[in-house]
């Protein structure tokens, strides 16, 4: 039986596949051991699996393209990204999958990167944590000083007006903020400067210094 002829890749296609294999390896090392990362060479659909990292599905290199891969080959307008869709491994384990298609300069699909996250361990952890996190009873209590949440909201509102996060405020903006908080009475809250410092991500000494310079 003659050996099937493999498609001849252009330099552009070869480079894309080579770079995609490096991306897959990096993702696999980052999200091990929960995430299987697969590179599909869609120019060779009969033997599409080019690389498979953190093998959770039991598949092997050289196996054919999946239904998604064949759909992309049949239609160049098929979505490039299909994210967080439900899937299952052959043994029934639940999976959250994402498939990303890659096109060459002619607009044709030549590869796909697929991420398959095994949810079985997370579901078991959820079953353990859910009853632990449940709380009952009619009594409620907070260890936060009275007015602390209103103080934080005032800080966040000031930061929003300046289009930054509270922790990204400049020294001058902090001084203006402290002046506004003093004028509005928010600094009368117990442990106000400690709350301000924590919310801004600075030391209490820096918060007091900003307050004194207003």
N, C-alpha and C. Protein backbone atom coordinates (compact mmCIF):
# COMPACT_ATOMS: atom_id res chain seq x y z
N UNK A 1 0.86 -1.20 0.00
CA UNK A 1 0.00 0.00 0.00
C UNK A 1 0.89 1.24 0.00
N UNK A 2 0.67 2.17 -0.91
CA UNK A 2 1.57 3.33 -0.99
C UNK A 2 1.41 4.23 0.23
N UNK A 3 2.51 4.88 0.60
CA UNK A 3 2.49 5.81 1.73
C UNK A 3 1.79 7.09 1.31
N UNK A 4 0.81 7.56 2.13
CA UNK A 4 0.08 8.78 1.75
C UNK A 4 1.02 9.97 1.65
N UNK A 5 0.78 10.81 0.65
CA UNK A 5 1.61 11.99 0.45
C UNK A 5 1.17 13.10 1.38
N UNK A 6 2.09 13.63 2.16
CA UNK A 6 1.76 14.71 3.09
C UNK A 6 1.71 16.03 2.33
N UNK A 7 0.83 16.93 2.75
CA UNK A 7 0.74 18.22 2.06
C UNK A 7 2.03 19.01 2.22
N UNK A 8 2.38 19.77 1.18
CA UNK A 8 3.58 20.59 1.21
C UNK A 8 3.21 21.95 1.79
N UNK A 9 3.80 22.27 2.93
CA UNK A 9 3.49 23.52 3.61
C UNK A 9 4.33 24.66 3.05
N UNK A 10 3.74 25.83 3.02
CA UNK A 10 4.49 27.03 2.64
C UNK A 10 5.35 27.44 3.83
N UNK A 11 6.38 28.26 3.61
CA UNK A 11 7.18 28.75 4.74
C UNK A 11 6.33 29.47 5.78
N UNK A 12 5.32 30.21 5.33
CA UNK A 12 4.44 30.92 6.27
C UNK A 12 3.69 29.93 7.14
N UNK A 13 3.15 28.88 6.54
CA UNK A 13 2.40 27.88 7.29
C UNK A 13 3.30 27.13 8.26
N UNK A 14 4.49 26.82 7.82
CA UNK A 14 5.44 26.11 8.68
C UNK A 14 5.80 26.95 9.90
N UNK A 15 6.05 28.25 9.66
CA UNK A 15 6.39 29.14 10.77
C UNK A 15 5.23 29.26 11.75
N UNK A 16 4.01 29.38 11.24
CA UNK A 16 2.85 29.50 12.12
C UNK A 16 2.70 28.26 13.00
N UNK A 17 2.83 27.10 12.39
CA UNK A 17 2.72 25.85 13.16
C UNK A 17 3.82 25.75 14.20
N UNK A 18 5.04 26.11 13.84
CA UNK A 18 6.15 26.04 14.78
C UNK A 18 5.90 26.96 15.98
N UNK A 19 5.43 28.18 15.72
CA UNK A 19 5.16 29.11 16.80
C UNK A 19 3.98 28.64 17.66
N UNK A 20 2.99 28.08 17.02
CA UNK A 20 1.83 27.57 17.75
C UNK A 20 2.22 26.44 18.69
N UNK A 21 3.15 25.61 18.27
CA UNK A 21 3.63 24.52 19.13
C UNK A 21 4.32 25.06 20.37
N UNK A 22 5.02 26.18 20.23
CA UNK A 22 5.66 26.79 21.39
C UNK A 22 4.63 27.39 22.34
N UNK A 23 3.60 28.02 21.78
CA UNK A 23 2.52 28.57 22.61
C UNK A 23 1.84 27.45 23.38
N UNK A 24 1.57 26.34 22.71
CA UNK A 24 0.92 25.21 23.36
C UNK A 24 1.76 24.67 24.51
N UNK A 25 3.03 24.57 24.30
CA UNK A 25 3.92 24.06 25.35
C UNK A 25 3.91 24.99 26.56
N UNK A 26 3.95 26.31 26.31
CA UNK A 26 3.93 27.26 27.41
C UNK A 26 2.63 27.19 28.20
N UNK A 27 1.50 27.11 27.49
CA UNK A 27 0.20 27.00 28.17
C UNK A 27 0.12 25.72 28.98
N UNK A 28 0.60 24.63 28.41
CA UNK A 28 0.54 23.35 29.11
C UNK A 28 1.36 23.36 30.39
N UNK A 29 2.54 23.96 30.34
CA UNK A 29 3.37 24.03 31.54
C UNK A 29 2.75 24.93 32.59
N UNK A 30 2.04 25.97 32.14
CA UNK A 30 1.41 26.90 33.09
C UNK A 30 0.22 26.27 33.79
N UNK A 31 -0.62 25.53 33.04
CA UNK A 31 -1.87 25.02 33.59
C UNK A 31 -1.84 23.53 33.90
N UNK A 32 -0.66 22.93 33.92
CA UNK A 32 -0.55 21.53 34.33
C UNK A 32 -0.96 21.40 35.81
N UNK A 33 -1.56 20.29 36.20
CA UNK A 33 -1.89 19.11 35.38
C UNK A 33 -3.35 19.06 34.95
N UNK A 34 -4.08 20.17 35.12
CA UNK A 34 -5.53 20.14 34.90
C UNK A 34 -5.95 20.36 33.46
N UNK A 35 -5.05 20.88 32.63
CA UNK A 35 -5.44 21.30 31.28
C UNK A 35 -4.65 20.57 30.21
N UNK A 36 -5.36 19.86 29.37
CA UNK A 36 -4.76 19.22 28.20
C UNK A 36 -4.69 20.25 27.08
N UNK A 37 -3.55 20.33 26.41
CA UNK A 37 -3.37 21.29 25.32
C UNK A 37 -2.99 20.52 24.06
N UNK A 38 -3.78 20.73 23.01
CA UNK A 38 -3.59 19.95 21.77
C UNK A 38 -3.40 20.89 20.59
N UNK A 39 -2.41 20.60 19.75
CA UNK A 39 -2.20 21.32 18.51
C UNK A 39 -2.65 20.43 17.36
N UNK A 40 -3.58 20.96 16.54
CA UNK A 40 -4.08 20.23 15.38
C UNK A 40 -3.53 20.85 14.10
N UNK A 41 -2.92 20.04 13.26
CA UNK A 41 -2.47 20.47 11.95
C UNK A 41 -3.59 20.18 10.96
N UNK A 42 -4.35 21.20 10.60
CA UNK A 42 -5.51 20.99 9.75
C UNK A 42 -5.15 20.82 8.28
N UNK A 43 -3.88 21.00 7.95
CA UNK A 43 -3.46 20.70 6.58
C UNK A 43 -3.33 19.20 6.36
N UNK A 44 -3.39 18.44 7.43
CA UNK A 44 -3.27 16.98 7.37
C UNK A 44 -4.36 16.37 8.24
N UNK A 45 -5.62 16.53 7.87
CA UNK A 45 -6.74 16.16 8.75
C UNK A 45 -6.79 14.68 9.13
N UNK A 46 -6.26 13.81 8.31
CA UNK A 46 -6.27 12.40 8.66
C UNK A 46 -5.32 12.07 9.81
N UNK A 47 -4.34 12.92 10.02
CA UNK A 47 -3.37 12.73 11.10
C UNK A 47 -3.12 14.08 11.77
N UNK A 48 -4.20 14.72 12.20
CA UNK A 48 -4.14 16.14 12.57
C UNK A 48 -3.42 16.43 13.88
N UNK A 49 -3.51 15.52 14.85
CA UNK A 49 -2.92 15.84 16.16
C UNK A 49 -1.40 15.88 16.02
N UNK A 50 -0.87 17.08 16.17
CA UNK A 50 0.57 17.31 15.99
C UNK A 50 1.29 17.21 17.33
N UNK A 51 0.69 17.80 18.37
CA UNK A 51 1.25 17.74 19.72
C UNK A 51 0.10 17.58 20.71
N UNK A 52 0.37 16.88 21.79
CA UNK A 52 -0.62 16.79 22.86
C UNK A 52 0.13 16.81 24.20
N UNK A 53 -0.17 17.83 25.01
CA UNK A 53 0.51 18.02 26.29
C UNK A 53 -0.47 17.76 27.44
N UNK A 54 0.05 17.28 28.55
CA UNK A 54 -0.78 16.93 29.71
C UNK A 54 -1.92 16.03 29.24
N UNK A 55 -1.57 14.93 28.63
CA UNK A 55 -2.55 14.07 27.98
C UNK A 55 -3.57 13.52 28.98
N UNK A 56 -4.78 14.08 28.92
CA UNK A 56 -5.87 13.65 29.80
C UNK A 56 -6.92 12.83 29.06
N UNK A 57 -6.94 12.94 27.75
CA UNK A 57 -7.96 12.27 26.96
C UNK A 57 -7.56 10.89 26.48
N UNK A 58 -6.26 10.56 26.59
CA UNK A 58 -5.79 9.26 26.12
C UNK A 58 -5.56 9.20 24.63
N UNK A 59 -5.64 10.32 23.92
CA UNK A 59 -5.39 10.32 22.49
C UNK A 59 -3.89 10.30 22.21
N UNK A 60 -3.54 10.13 20.95
CA UNK A 60 -2.13 10.05 20.59
C UNK A 60 -1.86 10.96 19.40
N UNK A 61 -0.58 11.33 19.26
CA UNK A 61 -0.15 12.12 18.10
C UNK A 61 -0.45 11.33 16.83
N UNK A 62 -0.97 12.02 15.82
CA UNK A 62 -1.27 11.37 14.56
C UNK A 62 -2.72 10.99 14.38
N UNK A 63 -3.55 11.16 15.42
CA UNK A 63 -4.96 10.84 15.26
C UNK A 63 -5.65 11.93 14.43
N UNK A 64 -6.80 11.61 13.84
CA UNK A 64 -7.45 12.55 12.91
C UNK A 64 -8.06 13.76 13.59
N UNK A 65 -8.46 14.72 12.75
CA UNK A 65 -9.07 15.95 13.24
C UNK A 65 -10.42 15.67 13.88
N UNK A 66 -10.80 16.54 14.82
CA UNK A 66 -12.10 16.43 15.47
C UNK A 66 -13.18 17.03 14.57
N UNK A 67 -14.43 16.96 15.04
CA UNK A 67 -15.54 17.53 14.28
C UNK A 67 -15.34 19.03 14.06
N UNK A 68 -14.82 19.72 15.09
CA UNK A 68 -14.59 21.16 14.94
C UNK A 68 -13.54 21.43 13.87
N UNK A 69 -12.49 20.62 13.85
CA UNK A 69 -11.45 20.80 12.85
C UNK A 69 -11.99 20.61 11.45
N UNK A 70 -12.82 19.58 11.26
CA UNK A 70 -13.39 19.32 9.95
C UNK A 70 -14.36 20.43 9.55
N UNK A 71 -15.07 20.98 10.54
CA UNK A 71 -16.00 22.07 10.25
C UNK A 71 -15.24 23.30 9.76
N UNK A 72 -14.09 23.56 10.36
CA UNK A 72 -13.28 24.71 9.93
C UNK A 72 -12.73 24.50 8.53
N UNK A 73 -12.35 23.27 8.22
CA UNK A 73 -11.84 22.99 6.88
C UNK A 73 -12.94 23.16 5.83
N UNK A 74 -14.17 22.87 6.22
CA UNK A 74 -15.28 22.96 5.28
C UNK A 74 -15.77 24.38 5.09
N UNK A 75 -15.48 25.25 6.06
CA UNK A 75 -16.01 26.62 6.00
C UNK A 75 -15.02 27.59 6.62
N UNK A 76 -14.38 28.40 5.80
CA UNK A 76 -13.40 29.37 6.30
C UNK A 76 -14.04 30.43 7.18
N UNK A 77 -15.38 30.57 7.09
CA UNK A 77 -16.08 31.55 7.92
C UNK A 77 -16.47 30.99 9.28
N UNK A 78 -16.14 29.74 9.54
CA UNK A 78 -16.45 29.12 10.83
C UNK A 78 -15.74 29.92 11.93
N UNK A 79 -16.38 30.11 13.10
CA UNK A 79 -15.78 30.94 14.16
C UNK A 79 -14.36 30.50 14.52
N UNK A 80 -13.50 31.49 14.69
CA UNK A 80 -12.12 31.17 15.06
C UNK A 80 -12.01 30.76 16.52
N UNK A 81 -12.84 31.34 17.37
CA UNK A 81 -12.77 31.03 18.80
C UNK A 81 -14.11 30.49 19.27
N UNK A 82 -14.09 29.30 19.83
CA UNK A 82 -15.25 28.72 20.50
C UNK A 82 -14.78 28.41 21.91
N UNK A 83 -15.25 29.19 22.88
CA UNK A 83 -14.67 29.11 24.22
C UNK A 83 -15.64 28.55 25.25
N UNK A 84 -15.05 27.84 26.19
CA UNK A 84 -15.76 27.38 27.40
C UNK A 84 -17.01 26.56 27.08
N UNK A 85 -16.90 25.66 26.12
CA UNK A 85 -18.05 24.81 25.81
C UNK A 85 -17.92 23.47 26.55
N UNK A 86 -19.07 22.87 26.92
CA UNK A 86 -19.03 21.61 27.68
C UNK A 86 -18.56 20.46 26.79
N UNK A 87 -17.78 19.59 27.36
CA UNK A 87 -17.23 18.46 26.63
C UNK A 87 -17.06 17.30 27.60
N UNK A 88 -16.67 16.15 27.10
CA UNK A 88 -16.40 14.99 27.97
C UNK A 88 -15.27 14.17 27.39
N UNK A 89 -14.43 13.64 28.29
CA UNK A 89 -13.43 12.68 27.87
C UNK A 89 -14.13 11.34 27.63
N UNK A 90 -13.42 10.41 27.00
CA UNK A 90 -14.01 9.12 26.65
C UNK A 90 -14.49 8.35 27.88
N UNK A 91 -13.86 8.59 29.04
CA UNK A 91 -14.26 7.87 30.26
C UNK A 91 -15.37 8.57 31.02
N UNK A 92 -15.91 9.67 30.45
CA UNK A 92 -17.05 10.34 31.07
C UNK A 92 -16.71 11.54 31.90
N UNK A 93 -15.44 11.83 32.14
CA UNK A 93 -15.09 12.99 32.95
C UNK A 93 -15.54 14.28 32.28
N UNK A 94 -16.14 15.20 33.06
CA UNK A 94 -16.59 16.47 32.47
C UNK A 94 -15.42 17.37 32.13
N UNK A 95 -15.56 18.09 31.03
CA UNK A 95 -14.47 18.91 30.51
C UNK A 95 -15.02 20.27 30.09
N UNK A 96 -14.23 21.32 30.34
CA UNK A 96 -14.50 22.63 29.76
C UNK A 96 -13.46 22.86 28.67
N UNK A 97 -13.94 23.09 27.45
CA UNK A 97 -13.02 23.16 26.31
C UNK A 97 -13.07 24.52 25.63
N UNK A 98 -11.95 24.87 25.03
CA UNK A 98 -11.86 26.05 24.17
C UNK A 98 -11.05 25.66 22.94
N UNK A 99 -11.57 26.05 21.77
CA UNK A 99 -10.89 25.73 20.52
C UNK A 99 -10.64 27.03 19.76
N UNK A 100 -9.38 27.22 19.33
CA UNK A 100 -8.98 28.43 18.62
C UNK A 100 -8.41 28.04 17.27
N UNK A 101 -9.02 28.54 16.21
CA UNK A 101 -8.54 28.23 14.86
C UNK A 101 -7.55 29.27 14.36
N UNK A 102 -6.61 28.85 13.55
CA UNK A 102 -5.59 29.74 13.00
C UNK A 102 -5.61 29.65 11.48
N UNK A 103 -5.56 30.82 10.84
CA UNK A 103 -5.61 30.90 9.39
C UNK A 103 -4.27 31.36 8.82
N UNK A 104 -4.04 31.01 7.57
CA UNK A 104 -2.85 31.51 6.89
C UNK A 104 -3.19 32.82 6.18
N UNK A 105 -2.24 33.34 5.41
CA UNK A 105 -2.44 34.62 4.75
C UNK A 105 -3.54 34.60 3.70
N UNK A 106 -3.94 33.43 3.27
CA UNK A 106 -5.02 33.31 2.28
C UNK A 106 -6.39 33.22 2.94
N UNK A 107 -6.41 33.21 4.29
CA UNK A 107 -7.68 33.13 5.00
C UNK A 107 -8.20 31.73 5.19
N UNK A 108 -7.36 30.73 4.96
CA UNK A 108 -7.77 29.34 5.14
C UNK A 108 -7.27 28.79 6.48
N UNK A 109 -8.09 27.99 7.13
CA UNK A 109 -7.67 27.37 8.38
C UNK A 109 -6.56 26.37 8.12
N UNK A 110 -5.49 26.49 8.91
CA UNK A 110 -4.42 25.49 8.78
C UNK A 110 -4.10 24.83 10.11
N UNK A 111 -4.62 25.37 11.23
CA UNK A 111 -4.27 24.79 12.53
C UNK A 111 -5.33 25.16 13.56
N UNK A 112 -5.31 24.43 14.65
CA UNK A 112 -6.20 24.74 15.78
C UNK A 112 -5.47 24.42 17.07
N UNK A 113 -5.74 25.24 18.07
CA UNK A 113 -5.20 25.04 19.42
C UNK A 113 -6.38 24.76 20.33
N UNK A 114 -6.37 23.63 21.00
CA UNK A 114 -7.50 23.24 21.84
C UNK A 114 -7.06 23.05 23.29
N UNK A 115 -7.83 23.62 24.21
CA UNK A 115 -7.59 23.49 25.64
C UNK A 115 -8.75 22.71 26.25
N UNK A 116 -8.42 21.65 26.96
CA UNK A 116 -9.43 20.81 27.60
C UNK A 116 -9.13 20.71 29.09
N UNK A 117 -9.98 21.33 29.90
CA UNK A 117 -9.77 21.37 31.34
C UNK A 117 -10.62 20.29 32.00
N UNK A 118 -9.98 19.40 32.74
CA UNK A 118 -10.67 18.34 33.48
C UNK A 118 -11.36 18.96 34.70
N UNK A 119 -12.69 18.93 34.72
CA UNK A 119 -13.45 19.56 35.81
C UNK A 119 -13.75 18.62 36.97
N UNK A 120 -13.42 17.35 36.83
CA UNK A 120 -13.83 16.38 37.86
C UNK A 120 -13.25 16.72 39.23
N UNK A 121 -11.97 17.09 39.29
CA UNK A 121 -11.37 17.44 40.57
C UNK A 121 -11.98 18.70 41.16
N UNK A 122 -12.27 19.69 40.31
CA UNK A 122 -12.87 20.93 40.79
C UNK A 122 -14.29 20.69 41.31
N UNK A 123 -15.02 19.79 40.64
CA UNK A 123 -16.37 19.49 41.10
C UNK A 123 -16.34 18.81 42.46
N UNK A 124 -15.37 17.92 42.68
CA UNK A 124 -15.25 17.27 43.98
C UNK A 124 -14.91 18.29 45.06
N UNK A 125 -14.01 19.23 44.72
CA UNK A 125 -13.66 20.27 45.68
C UNK A 125 -14.87 21.13 46.00
N UNK A 126 -15.67 21.43 44.97
CA UNK A 126 -16.87 22.23 45.18
C UNK A 126 -17.85 21.53 46.11
N UNK A 127 -17.97 20.22 45.96
CA UNK A 127 -18.88 19.46 46.81
C UNK A 127 -18.43 19.49 48.27
N UNK A 128 -17.12 19.58 48.47
CA UNK A 128 -16.59 19.66 49.84
C UNK A 128 -16.76 21.05 50.40
N UNK A 129 -16.48 22.06 49.58
CA UNK A 129 -16.48 23.44 50.06
C UNK A 129 -17.88 24.02 50.24
N UNK A 130 -18.84 23.58 49.43
CA UNK A 130 -20.18 24.18 49.50
C UNK A 130 -20.79 24.06 50.89
N UNK A 131 -20.83 22.88 51.50
CA UNK A 131 -21.40 22.83 52.85
C UNK A 131 -20.57 23.57 53.89
N UNK A 132 -19.26 23.62 53.67
CA UNK A 132 -18.40 24.32 54.62
C UNK A 132 -18.68 25.82 54.62
N UNK A 133 -19.00 26.38 53.43
CA UNK A 133 -19.22 27.81 53.31
C UNK A 133 -20.64 28.25 53.65
N UNK A 134 -21.53 27.29 53.85
CA UNK A 134 -22.90 27.64 54.18
C UNK A 134 -22.97 28.18 55.61
N UNK A 135 -23.79 29.23 55.79
CA UNK A 135 -23.98 29.85 57.10
C UNK A 135 -25.46 29.95 57.39
N UNK A 136 -25.81 29.76 58.65
CA UNK A 136 -27.20 29.80 59.06
C UNK A 136 -27.35 30.69 60.29
N UNK A 137 -28.59 30.99 60.63
CA UNK A 137 -28.85 31.77 61.83
C UNK A 137 -29.30 33.17 61.50
N UNK A 138 -30.01 33.77 62.43
CA UNK A 138 -30.56 35.10 62.22
C UNK A 138 -29.65 36.21 62.73
N UNK A 139 -28.58 35.84 63.45
CA UNK A 139 -27.67 36.83 63.99
C UNK A 139 -26.61 37.17 62.96
N UNK A 140 -26.36 38.45 62.75
CA UNK A 140 -25.29 38.88 61.85
C UNK A 140 -24.38 39.85 62.60
N UNK A 141 -23.14 39.83 62.21
CA UNK A 141 -22.15 40.66 62.90
C UNK A 141 -21.07 41.05 61.91
N UNK A 142 -20.49 42.22 62.09
CA UNK A 142 -19.35 42.63 61.29
C UNK A 142 -18.26 43.14 62.20
N UNK A 143 -17.04 42.80 61.85
CA UNK A 143 -15.89 43.28 62.62
C UNK A 143 -15.34 44.56 62.01
N UNK A 144 -15.99 45.03 60.92
CA UNK A 144 -15.59 46.26 60.27
C UNK A 144 -16.11 47.45 61.07
N UNK A 145 -15.30 48.49 61.27
CA UNK A 145 -15.80 49.68 61.98
C UNK A 145 -17.00 50.28 61.26
N UNK A 146 -17.90 50.87 62.02
CA UNK A 146 -19.05 51.53 61.42
C UNK A 146 -18.60 52.61 60.44
N UNK A 147 -19.20 52.62 59.28
CA UNK A 147 -18.85 53.62 58.26
C UNK A 147 -17.67 53.25 57.39
N UNK A 148 -17.04 52.10 57.64
CA UNK A 148 -15.86 51.72 56.86
C UNK A 148 -16.20 51.48 55.40
N UNK A 149 -17.33 50.82 55.15
CA UNK A 149 -17.69 50.52 53.77
C UNK A 149 -18.01 51.80 53.00
N UNK A 150 -18.68 52.76 53.67
CA UNK A 150 -18.97 54.04 53.03
C UNK A 150 -17.67 54.77 52.69
N UNK A 151 -16.68 54.65 53.55
CA UNK A 151 -15.38 55.26 53.31
C UNK A 151 -14.72 54.65 52.07
N UNK A 152 -14.77 53.34 51.97
CA UNK A 152 -14.19 52.68 50.80
C UNK A 152 -14.92 53.08 49.51
N UNK A 153 -16.24 53.15 49.59
CA UNK A 153 -17.00 53.56 48.40
C UNK A 153 -16.63 54.98 47.96
N UNK A 154 -16.40 55.87 48.94
CA UNK A 154 -16.01 57.23 48.62
C UNK A 154 -14.65 57.26 47.92
N UNK A 155 -13.74 56.43 48.38
CA UNK A 155 -12.42 56.34 47.75
C UNK A 155 -12.56 55.82 46.32
N UNK A 156 -13.35 54.77 46.14
CA UNK A 156 -13.54 54.19 44.81
C UNK A 156 -14.21 55.18 43.86
N UNK A 157 -15.16 55.95 44.37
CA UNK A 157 -15.83 56.95 43.54
C UNK A 157 -14.85 58.03 43.09
N UNK A 158 -13.97 58.45 44.00
CA UNK A 158 -12.94 59.43 43.65
C UNK A 158 -12.03 58.87 42.56
N UNK A 159 -11.59 57.62 42.74
CA UNK A 159 -10.70 57.00 41.76
C UNK A 159 -11.40 56.87 40.41
N UNK A 160 -12.69 56.52 40.42
CA UNK A 160 -13.43 56.37 39.17
C UNK A 160 -13.50 57.68 38.41
N UNK A 161 -13.63 58.79 39.14
CA UNK A 161 -13.69 60.10 38.49
C UNK A 161 -12.38 60.41 37.77
N UNK A 162 -11.29 59.81 38.25
CA UNK A 162 -9.98 60.05 37.64
C UNK A 162 -9.57 58.89 36.71
N UNK A 163 -10.53 57.97 36.48
CA UNK A 163 -10.32 56.87 35.52
C UNK A 163 -9.14 55.97 35.88
N UNK A 164 -8.94 55.75 37.18
CA UNK A 164 -7.89 54.83 37.63
C UNK A 164 -8.46 54.00 38.78
N UNK A 165 -7.71 53.00 39.20
CA UNK A 165 -8.09 52.25 40.39
C UNK A 165 -7.59 53.00 41.62
N UNK A 166 -8.13 52.66 42.77
CA UNK A 166 -7.73 53.34 44.00
C UNK A 166 -6.22 53.20 44.25
N UNK A 167 -5.66 52.07 43.90
CA UNK A 167 -4.24 51.83 44.16
C UNK A 167 -3.34 52.50 43.14
N UNK A 168 -3.94 53.04 42.06
CA UNK A 168 -3.14 53.70 41.03
C UNK A 168 -3.17 55.22 41.15
N UNK A 169 -3.78 55.73 42.21
CA UNK A 169 -3.82 57.19 42.39
C UNK A 169 -2.41 57.75 42.58
N UNK A 170 -2.15 58.89 42.00
CA UNK A 170 -0.86 59.55 42.16
C UNK A 170 -0.78 60.21 43.53
N UNK A 171 0.42 60.55 44.00
CA UNK A 171 0.55 61.24 45.30
C UNK A 171 -0.31 62.49 45.39
N UNK A 172 -0.35 63.28 44.30
CA UNK A 172 -1.17 64.50 44.31
C UNK A 172 -2.65 64.15 44.42
N UNK A 173 -3.07 63.12 43.70
CA UNK A 173 -4.47 62.69 43.77
C UNK A 173 -4.81 62.18 45.17
N UNK A 174 -3.86 61.49 45.81
CA UNK A 174 -4.12 61.04 47.19
C UNK A 174 -4.34 62.22 48.12
N UNK A 175 -3.53 63.27 47.94
CA UNK A 175 -3.69 64.45 48.80
C UNK A 175 -5.06 65.08 48.59
N UNK A 176 -5.49 65.18 47.34
CA UNK A 176 -6.82 65.72 47.05
C UNK A 176 -7.91 64.82 47.64
N UNK A 177 -7.71 63.52 47.52
CA UNK A 177 -8.67 62.57 48.09
C UNK A 177 -8.80 62.75 49.59
N UNK A 178 -7.67 62.84 50.29
CA UNK A 178 -7.70 62.98 51.75
C UNK A 178 -8.41 64.27 52.16
N UNK A 179 -8.21 65.32 51.38
CA UNK A 179 -8.89 66.58 51.67
C UNK A 179 -10.39 66.41 51.51
N UNK A 180 -10.82 65.73 50.47
CA UNK A 180 -12.25 65.50 50.27
C UNK A 180 -12.82 64.63 51.39
N UNK A 181 -12.09 63.63 51.80
CA UNK A 181 -12.57 62.73 52.86
C UNK A 181 -12.69 63.49 54.18
N UNK A 182 -11.75 64.37 54.44
CA UNK A 182 -11.81 65.16 55.67
C UNK A 182 -13.03 66.09 55.63
N UNK A 183 -13.23 66.76 54.50
CA UNK A 183 -14.34 67.71 54.37
C UNK A 183 -15.70 67.01 54.50
N UNK A 184 -15.79 65.80 53.94
CA UNK A 184 -17.06 65.08 53.97
C UNK A 184 -17.30 64.35 55.30
N UNK A 185 -16.29 64.36 56.17
CA UNK A 185 -16.45 63.71 57.47
C UNK A 185 -16.12 62.23 57.48
N UNK A 186 -15.67 61.70 56.35
CA UNK A 186 -15.38 60.26 56.30
C UNK A 186 -14.15 59.88 57.13
N UNK A 187 -13.28 60.85 57.42
CA UNK A 187 -12.11 60.53 58.23
C UNK A 187 -12.44 60.45 59.72
N UNK A 188 -13.71 60.71 60.06
CA UNK A 188 -14.13 60.55 61.45
C UNK A 188 -14.43 59.10 61.81
N UNK A 189 -14.46 58.25 60.80
CA UNK A 189 -14.68 56.82 61.04
C UNK A 189 -13.53 56.26 61.87
N UNK A 190 -13.85 55.37 62.80
CA UNK A 190 -12.80 54.74 63.63
C UNK A 190 -11.84 53.97 62.74
N UNK A 191 -10.55 54.15 62.96
CA UNK A 191 -9.47 53.52 62.20
C UNK A 191 -9.49 53.96 60.75
N UNK A 192 -9.94 55.21 60.49
CA UNK A 192 -10.11 55.70 59.12
C UNK A 192 -8.80 55.66 58.34
N UNK A 193 -7.69 56.12 58.93
CA UNK A 193 -6.45 56.18 58.18
C UNK A 193 -5.92 54.78 57.86
N UNK A 194 -6.18 53.83 58.75
CA UNK A 194 -5.78 52.46 58.47
C UNK A 194 -6.58 51.91 57.30
N UNK A 195 -7.89 52.21 57.27
CA UNK A 195 -8.75 51.75 56.17
C UNK A 195 -8.31 52.39 54.86
N UNK A 196 -8.04 53.69 54.89
CA UNK A 196 -7.59 54.41 53.69
C UNK A 196 -6.29 53.80 53.18
N UNK A 197 -5.33 53.60 54.07
CA UNK A 197 -4.03 53.06 53.68
C UNK A 197 -4.18 51.68 53.03
N UNK A 198 -4.98 50.81 53.66
CA UNK A 198 -5.17 49.46 53.12
C UNK A 198 -5.84 49.51 51.74
N UNK A 199 -6.82 50.40 51.59
CA UNK A 199 -7.56 50.46 50.33
C UNK A 199 -6.70 51.06 49.21
N UNK A 200 -5.80 51.96 49.57
CA UNK A 200 -4.92 52.57 48.57
C UNK A 200 -3.66 51.74 48.33
N UNK A 201 -3.42 50.76 49.20
CA UNK A 201 -2.22 49.94 49.05
C UNK A 201 -0.95 50.66 49.44
N UNK A 202 -1.06 51.56 50.43
CA UNK A 202 0.11 52.29 50.91
C UNK A 202 0.24 52.08 52.41
N UNK A 203 1.34 52.53 52.98
CA UNK A 203 1.53 52.41 54.42
C UNK A 203 0.70 53.46 55.14
N UNK A 204 0.44 53.22 56.42
CA UNK A 204 -0.29 54.22 57.21
C UNK A 204 0.51 55.52 57.31
N UNK A 205 1.84 55.37 57.38
CA UNK A 205 2.69 56.56 57.44
C UNK A 205 2.51 57.41 56.19
N UNK A 206 2.42 56.75 55.01
CA UNK A 206 2.22 57.49 53.76
C UNK A 206 0.85 58.14 53.74
N UNK A 207 -0.16 57.46 54.29
CA UNK A 207 -1.50 58.04 54.35
C UNK A 207 -1.52 59.27 55.25
N UNK A 208 -0.88 59.18 56.42
CA UNK A 208 -0.83 60.33 57.34
C UNK A 208 -0.06 61.49 56.69
N UNK A 209 1.00 61.17 55.96
CA UNK A 209 1.79 62.22 55.31
C UNK A 209 0.96 62.93 54.25
N UNK A 210 0.16 62.17 53.49
CA UNK A 210 -0.69 62.76 52.48
C UNK A 210 -1.75 63.65 53.11
N UNK A 211 -2.26 63.21 54.27
CA UNK A 211 -3.30 63.99 54.97
C UNK A 211 -2.73 65.30 55.52
N UNK A 212 -1.51 65.25 56.02
CA UNK A 212 -0.91 66.44 56.62
C UNK A 212 -0.55 67.48 55.57
N UNK A 213 -0.33 67.03 54.32
CA UNK A 213 0.10 67.98 53.28
C UNK A 213 -1.07 68.66 52.60
N UNK A 214 -2.29 68.35 53.04
CA UNK A 214 -3.46 68.99 52.41
C UNK A 214 -3.79 70.30 53.10
